Amino acid sequence: MSPTVNVLGVTLDNLSRAELFARLQQGVYLAANVDVIMKLRADPEFHAIFHQAEFRICDSQIVQLGSRFLGAPIVEKISGSDLLGEYCAHHAQNPAVKLFLLGAGPGVAAEAQRRINARTGRDIVVAAHSPSFGFEKKPEECAALAKLVNESGATALAVGVGAPKQEKFIMAYKAQMPNIRVFMAVGATIDFEAGNVPRAPAWMSRSGLEWAYRLWREPKRLWRRYLVDDLPFFWLLLKQKLGLDTFSKQRR
């Protein structure tokens, strides 16, 4: 098994779930689905910071199937939406792990905190905060958020504000949060954990159809992402297979 796999010029770690949790003691966890890969190809800054992360994980059944098509199969898809709950369950009896939730709309992160702590059986989430809309464009607010997180007593931070905002925030401000050992970019997971947004049925996720469920739930917000921005993924995958995608060749 190759330790890494190149999918359209994005290098992903080829780790099982068990291997990831054994290693996820310190560092930055970022995940890639089809939409993230397309954004990475279009945004050189995002591409550069993504590859600075210690853990770059496949977050999509479609990306996993694509890796098989390329002849370098990724051993397991590890959804970011599953990771947060599994991380808390894994460390339920480890008092050294304390989590800060940053993201989602007003009050949503606090509700996710309440639910996770109730399920885990201890206050593993020590603080939660929903940043203002457009916070990423306000350096003063970003610095204040980093200070809030660092002084919270947390040792792990889950940021759920969407790609590439969450990844860029983590990489830009992690040096200002020396008390945090593990950083995780988790997308819509905080909404899921709060019950604010329903998850797709498990069979749809396993079949690579979670995108269809989300599109059905939020067509106005997601139609362009899934039906316009992400569709070239399949053509580009064929080009990489045939050795015609120069972007992928340059980034092996």
Protein backbone atom coordinates (compact mmCIF):
# COMPACT_ATOMS: atom_id res chain seq x y z
CA MET A 1 0.00 0.00 0.00
CA SER A 2 1.38 3.37 -1.01
CA PRO A 3 1.75 5.78 1.96
CA THR A 4 0.26 8.58 -0.16
CA VAL A 5 -1.96 8.80 -3.23
CA ASN A 6 -2.06 11.59 -5.82
CA VAL A 7 -5.59 12.47 -6.94
CA LEU A 8 -5.64 15.33 -9.47
CA GLY A 9 -2.49 16.84 -7.99
CA VAL A 10 -3.65 16.54 -4.37
CA THR A 11 -1.54 14.25 -2.18
CA LEU A 12 -3.62 12.28 0.32
CA ASP A 13 -2.40 10.06 3.15
CA ASN A 14 -3.37 6.43 2.65
CA LEU A 15 -4.39 5.65 6.23
CA SER A 16 -7.01 3.42 7.75
CA ARG A 17 -9.27 4.79 10.47
CA ALA A 18 -7.32 2.86 13.12
CA GLU A 19 -4.00 4.19 11.84
CA LEU A 20 -5.30 7.76 11.81
CA PHE A 21 -6.51 7.65 15.43
CA ALA A 22 -3.26 6.04 16.55
CA ARG A 23 -1.29 8.91 15.00
CA LEU A 24 -3.65 11.86 15.59
CA GLN A 25 -1.94 13.03 18.75
CA GLN A 26 -0.52 16.29 17.41
CA GLY A 27 -0.80 18.18 14.13
CA VAL A 28 -3.31 19.45 11.61
CA TYR A 29 -6.02 17.24 10.11
CA LEU A 30 -7.50 18.36 6.79
CA ALA A 31 -9.84 16.38 4.56
CA ALA A 32 -10.51 16.36 0.83
CA ASN A 33 -13.72 15.57 -1.01
CA VAL A 34 -14.44 16.31 -4.67
CA ASP A 35 -15.32 19.95 -3.98
CA VAL A 36 -12.19 20.54 -1.92
CA ILE A 37 -9.99 18.97 -4.62
CA MET A 38 -11.49 21.26 -7.26
CA LYS A 39 -10.94 24.27 -4.99
CA LEU A 40 -7.34 23.19 -4.36
CA ARG A 41 -6.64 23.08 -8.08
CA ALA A 42 -8.06 26.59 -8.56
CA ASP A 43 -6.40 28.25 -5.55
CA PRO A 44 -2.58 28.04 -5.32
CA GLU A 45 -2.56 29.47 -1.78
CA PHE A 46 -5.05 26.84 -0.63
CA HIS A 47 -3.07 24.09 -2.39
CA ALA A 48 0.13 25.15 -0.65
CA ILE A 49 -1.31 25.30 2.87
CA PHE A 50 -3.26 22.06 2.43
CA HIS A 51 0.00 20.23 1.82
CA GLN A 52 1.52 21.67 4.99
CA ALA A 53 -0.91 19.63 7.10
CA GLU A 54 0.36 16.55 8.90
CA PHE A 55 -2.81 14.62 8.01
CA ARG A 56 -4.48 14.91 4.59
CA ILE A 57 -7.37 12.46 4.48
CA CYS A 58 -9.85 11.22 1.87
CA ASP A 59 -13.32 12.45 2.86
CA SER A 60 -15.31 11.10 -0.08
CA GLN A 61 -16.46 7.78 -1.45
CA ILE A 62 -16.15 9.27 -4.94
CA VAL A 63 -12.53 10.30 -4.32
CA GLN A 64 -11.81 6.81 -2.97
CA LEU A 65 -13.36 5.22 -6.08
CA GLY A 66 -11.35 7.65 -8.19
CA SER A 67 -8.12 6.48 -6.54
CA ARG A 68 -9.01 2.89 -7.47
CA PHE A 69 -9.59 3.98 -11.06
CA LEU A 70 -6.12 5.53 -11.04
CA GLY A 71 -4.61 2.26 -9.82
CA ALA A 72 -3.58 3.55 -6.38
CA PRO A 73 -6.51 2.70 -4.10
CA ILE A 74 -7.04 4.64 -0.90
CA VAL A 75 -7.65 2.09 1.84
CA GLU A 76 -10.50 3.90 3.60
CA LYS A 77 -12.74 6.94 3.32
CA ILE A 78 -12.83 8.82 6.63
CA SER A 79 -15.60 11.42 6.58
CA GLY A 80 -14.94 14.64 8.42
CA SER A 81 -18.57 14.48 9.51
CA ASP A 82 -17.82 11.18 11.27
CA LEU A 83 -14.38 12.11 12.55
CA LEU A 84 -15.42 14.60 15.22
CA GLY A 85 -17.83 12.22 16.97
CA GLU A 86 -15.37 9.35 16.66
CA TYR A 87 -12.53 11.50 18.02
CA CYS A 88 -14.63 12.36 21.07
CA ALA A 89 -15.64 8.73 21.59
CA HIS A 90 -12.03 7.60 21.20
CA HIS A 91 -10.92 10.04 23.92
CA ALA A 92 -13.99 9.76 26.16
CA GLN A 93 -11.87 8.41 29.02
CA ASN A 94 -8.85 10.62 28.33
CA PRO A 95 -9.12 13.77 30.47
CA ALA A 96 -6.08 15.26 28.74
CA VAL A 97 -8.16 15.78 25.58
CA LYS A 98 -10.36 18.87 25.73
CA LEU A 99 -12.06 20.24 22.64
CA PHE A 100 -13.03 23.70 21.38
CA LEU A 101 -15.72 23.96 18.69
CA LEU A 102 -15.44 26.97 16.38
CA GLY A 103 -17.98 27.46 13.64
CA ALA A 104 -21.60 27.26 12.46
CA GLY A 105 -24.30 29.86 13.09
CA PRO A 106 -25.23 31.62 16.34
CA GLY A 107 -25.90 29.14 19.12
CA VAL A 108 -25.26 26.08 16.96
CA ALA A 109 -21.78 25.33 18.28
CA ALA A 110 -23.08 25.59 21.86
CA GLU A 111 -25.81 23.06 21.09
CA ALA A 112 -23.26 20.74 19.50
CA GLN A 113 -21.17 21.11 22.67
CA ARG A 114 -24.13 20.12 24.83
CA ARG A 115 -24.97 17.07 22.75
CA ILE A 116 -21.41 15.81 22.41
CA ASN A 117 -20.77 16.13 26.14
CA ALA A 118 -24.02 14.33 26.96
CA ARG A 119 -23.15 11.51 24.59
CA THR A 120 -19.52 11.26 25.72
CA GLY A 121 -20.34 11.28 29.43
CA ARG A 122 -17.94 14.08 30.32
CA ASP A 123 -17.28 17.69 29.37
CA ILE A 124 -14.86 16.83 26.59
CA VAL A 125 -15.96 20.00 24.75
CA VAL A 126 -14.85 22.78 27.07
CA ALA A 127 -15.94 25.74 24.93
CA ALA A 128 -17.78 26.62 21.72
CA HIS A 129 -18.06 29.77 19.67
CA SER A 130 -19.86 30.82 16.48
CA PRO A 131 -17.79 33.50 14.68
CA SER A 132 -19.37 36.42 12.88
CA PHE A 133 -20.17 36.24 9.18
CA GLY A 134 -17.09 37.25 7.21
CA PHE A 135 -14.79 36.91 10.23
CA GLU A 136 -11.99 35.60 8.02
CA LYS A 137 -11.67 39.08 6.47
CA LYS A 138 -11.26 40.73 9.88
CA PRO A 139 -7.72 40.24 11.23
CA GLU A 140 -8.66 41.67 14.62
CA GLU A 141 -11.48 39.17 15.07
CA CYS A 142 -9.29 36.29 13.89
CA ALA A 143 -6.60 37.21 16.40
CA ALA A 144 -9.22 37.50 19.15
CA LEU A 145 -10.58 34.08 18.22
CA ALA A 146 -7.10 32.56 18.41
CA LYS A 147 -6.64 34.11 21.86
CA LEU A 148 -10.05 32.84 23.00
CA VAL A 149 -9.22 29.30 21.87
CA ASN A 150 -5.73 29.31 23.35
CA GLU A 151 -6.94 30.50 26.75
CA SER A 152 -9.94 28.13 26.90
CA GLY A 153 -8.08 25.16 28.35
CA ALA A 154 -8.70 23.16 25.17
CA THR A 155 -6.03 20.90 23.67
CA ALA A 156 -7.86 20.28 20.38
CA LEU A 157 -9.70 22.62 18.02
CA ALA A 158 -12.40 21.71 15.50
CA VAL A 159 -13.11 24.46 12.97
CA GLY A 160 -16.26 24.17 10.87
CA VAL A 161 -16.71 27.21 8.63
CA GLY A 162 -16.31 25.62 5.19
CA ALA A 163 -13.40 25.27 2.80
CA PRO A 164 -11.10 27.04 2.24
CA LYS A 165 -11.86 29.44 5.11
CA GLN A 166 -11.35 26.86 7.85
CA GLU A 167 -8.06 25.55 6.47
CA LYS A 168 -6.66 29.04 5.88
CA PHE A 169 -7.65 30.17 9.39
CA ILE A 170 -6.00 27.16 11.01
CA MET A 171 -2.74 27.56 9.11
CA ALA A 172 -2.60 31.34 9.55
CA TYR A 173 -3.28 31.35 13.30
CA LYS A 174 -2.13 27.99 14.70
CA ALA A 175 1.15 29.52 15.89
CA GLN A 176 -0.94 31.84 18.09
CA MET A 177 -2.57 28.81 19.73
CA PRO A 178 0.38 26.94 21.29
CA ASN A 179 -1.88 25.15 23.80
CA ILE A 180 -3.69 23.36 20.96
CA ARG A 181 -2.11 20.07 19.93
CA VAL A 182 -4.64 18.88 17.34
CA PHE A 183 -6.35 21.06 14.74
CA MET A 184 -9.23 19.66 12.67
CA ALA A 185 -11.11 21.22 9.75
CA VAL A 186 -14.57 19.65 9.93
CA GLY A 187 -16.86 21.51 7.50
CA ALA A 188 -20.57 21.14 8.28
CA THR A 189 -19.93 18.67 11.11
CA ILE A 190 -20.79 21.13 13.89
CA ASP A 191 -24.21 21.63 12.27
CA PHE A 192 -24.65 17.86 12.09
CA GLU A 193 -23.64 17.38 15.72
CA ALA A 194 -26.10 20.08 16.82
CA GLY A 195 -28.94 18.46 14.88
CA ASN A 196 -29.21 21.66 12.87
CA VAL A 197 -28.67 19.87 9.56
CA PRO A 198 -29.61 16.19 9.05
CA ARG A 199 -27.01 13.69 7.85
CA ALA A 200 -27.56 11.62 4.75
CA PRO A 201 -28.66 8.02 5.37
CA ALA A 202 -25.69 5.72 5.93
CA TRP A 203 -26.38 3.74 2.74
CA MET A 204 -26.17 6.91 0.65
CA SER A 205 -22.87 7.85 2.24
CA ARG A 206 -21.48 4.36 1.61
CA SER A 207 -22.67 4.51 -2.01
CA GLY A 208 -21.08 7.89 -2.74
CA LEU A 209 -24.49 9.58 -2.91
CA GLU A 210 -24.26 11.90 0.09
CA TRP A 211 -23.85 14.82 -2.32
CA ALA A 212 -27.27 14.00 -3.84
CA TYR A 213 -28.92 14.05 -0.42
CA ARG A 214 -27.33 17.38 0.46
CA LEU A 215 -28.32 18.83 -2.92
CA TRP A 216 -31.91 17.70 -2.33
CA ARG A 217 -31.89 19.33 1.12
CA GLU A 218 -30.25 22.63 0.05
CA PRO A 219 -30.67 23.05 -3.73
CA LYS A 220 -30.34 26.85 -3.84
CA ARG A 221 -27.05 26.82 -1.93
CA LEU A 222 -25.46 23.71 -3.39
CA TRP A 223 -26.64 23.31 -6.99
CA ARG A 224 -23.71 25.22 -8.48
CA ARG A 225 -21.15 23.37 -6.36
CA TYR A 226 -22.31 19.90 -7.35
CA LEU A 227 -23.69 20.45 -10.85
CA VAL A 228 -21.18 22.99 -12.22
CA ASP A 229 -18.01 23.43 -10.17
CA ASP A 230 -17.40 19.76 -9.32
CA LEU A 231 -18.42 17.99 -12.55
CA PRO A 232 -15.00 18.45 -14.26
CA PHE A 233 -13.55 16.13 -11.59
CA PHE A 234 -14.50 13.08 -13.64
CA TRP A 235 -13.00 14.35 -16.90
CA LEU A 236 -9.83 15.38 -15.08
CA LEU A 237 -9.63 11.94 -13.47
CA LEU A 238 -9.64 10.36 -16.93
CA LYS A 239 -6.96 12.81 -18.08
CA GLN A 240 -4.77 11.85 -15.11
CA LYS A 241 -5.30 8.16 -15.89
CA LEU A 242 -4.14 8.80 -19.46
CA GLY A 243 -1.19 10.91 -18.29
CA LEU A 244 -2.60 14.08 -19.85
CA ASP A 245 -3.24 16.18 -16.72
CA THR A 246 -0.18 18.39 -16.35
CA PHE A 247 -1.34 19.70 -12.95
CA SER A 248 -1.26 16.17 -11.52
CA LYS A 249 2.12 15.41 -13.11
CA GLN A 250 3.74 18.50 -11.59
CA ARG A 251 2.55 17.56 -8.09
CA ARG A 252 3.37 13.89 -7.71
